[in-house]
Amino acid sequence: MTPTSGSEYSPEASILEPSPSSSSHDSSSDYGDDEGDAEAEWQESLQQLELLLSMVLVPFIGKWVGRKCAYFGMFKTST
């Protein structure tokens, strides 16, 4: 067998020497993707919390405060 030049495929060379661009690029892109996914999940969680506050808690608190004000307003008009 003759020695291979740079343009020919050599399976032994690819097994022994991983290409630096693929190994470093894969690990950094995986980290960046994970960070982007975490940021997207965080934004979605904040949006869900805001929706919970605006549709459930604010009307409930408003109803409770309105009833308390109506109750105390009843004493003011009767005296």
Protein backbone atom coordinates (compact mmCIF):
# COMPACT_ATOMS: atom_id res chain seq x y z
CA MET A 1 0.00 0.00 0.00
CA THR A 2 1.30 3.46 -0.84
CA PRO A 3 1.27 6.38 1.56
CA THR A 4 -1.79 8.54 1.13
CA SER A 5 -1.60 12.17 0.19
CA GLY A 6 -3.75 14.93 1.73
CA SER A 7 -6.43 14.63 -0.94
CA GLU A 8 -7.10 10.90 -0.47
CA TYR A 9 -9.35 9.50 2.26
CA SER A 10 -7.62 7.58 5.02
CA PRO A 11 -9.91 5.94 7.62
CA GLU A 12 -7.00 5.38 10.00
CA ALA A 13 -6.13 9.07 10.01
CA SER A 14 -9.73 10.10 10.70
CA ILE A 15 -9.97 7.70 13.63
CA LEU A 16 -6.67 8.69 15.22
CA GLU A 17 -6.85 12.43 14.65
CA PRO A 18 -10.22 14.08 15.14
CA SER A 19 -10.59 17.29 13.24
CA PRO A 20 -10.22 20.26 15.58
CA SER A 21 -12.96 22.26 13.92
CA SER A 22 -15.68 19.65 14.46
CA SER A 23 -14.86 18.77 18.08
CA SER A 24 -14.48 22.33 19.37
CA HIS A 25 -17.38 23.63 17.29
CA ASP A 26 -19.78 20.91 18.44
CA SER A 27 -19.15 21.45 22.14
CA SER A 28 -19.44 25.23 21.93
CA SER A 29 -22.57 25.11 19.76
CA ASP A 30 -24.20 22.63 22.15
CA TYR A 31 -23.51 25.00 25.03
CA GLY A 32 -24.91 27.93 23.07
CA ASP A 33 -28.01 25.96 22.12
CA ASP A 34 -28.59 24.95 25.75
CA GLU A 35 -28.20 28.54 26.84
CA GLY A 36 -30.63 29.70 24.17
CA ASP A 37 -33.14 27.02 25.17
CA ALA A 38 -32.87 28.01 28.82
CA GLU A 39 -33.40 31.67 27.94
CA ALA A 40 -36.48 30.79 25.85
CA GLU A 41 -37.92 28.69 28.68
CA TRP A 42 -37.27 31.52 31.15
CA GLN A 43 -39.08 34.01 28.92
CA GLU A 44 -42.00 31.60 28.53
CA SER A 45 -42.19 31.12 32.30
CA LEU A 46 -42.27 34.88 32.85
CA GLN A 47 -45.02 35.23 30.26
CA GLN A 48 -47.08 32.52 31.98
CA LEU A 49 -46.59 34.19 35.37
CA GLU A 50 -47.70 37.53 33.95
CA LEU A 51 -50.78 35.87 32.45
CA LEU A 52 -51.59 34.24 35.79
CA LEU A 53 -51.32 37.57 37.58
CA SER A 54 -53.40 39.52 35.09
CA MET A 55 -56.19 36.99 34.64
CA VAL A 56 -56.52 35.36 38.07
CA LEU A 57 -54.93 37.26 40.94
CA VAL A 58 -55.73 40.86 39.98
CA PRO A 59 -59.49 40.22 39.50
CA PHE A 60 -59.61 38.15 42.70
CA ILE A 61 -57.89 40.86 44.75
CA GLY A 62 -60.03 43.54 43.12
CA LYS A 63 -63.20 41.64 44.02
CA TRP A 64 -62.01 41.20 47.61
CA VAL A 65 -61.06 44.88 47.99
CA GLY A 66 -64.35 45.95 46.40
CA ARG A 67 -66.34 43.89 48.86
CA LYS A 68 -64.37 45.29 51.81
CA CYS A 69 -64.93 48.85 50.59
CA ALA A 70 -68.63 48.18 50.09
CA TYR A 71 -68.89 46.69 53.58
CA PHE A 72 -67.23 49.71 55.23
CA GLY A 73 -69.16 52.10 52.97
CA MET A 74 -72.38 50.64 54.29
CA PHE A 75 -71.55 51.83 57.82
CA LYS A 76 -70.68 55.31 56.64
CA THR A 77 -74.05 55.92 54.95
CA SER A 78 -76.16 54.54 57.80
CA THR A 79 -74.73 56.79 60.55
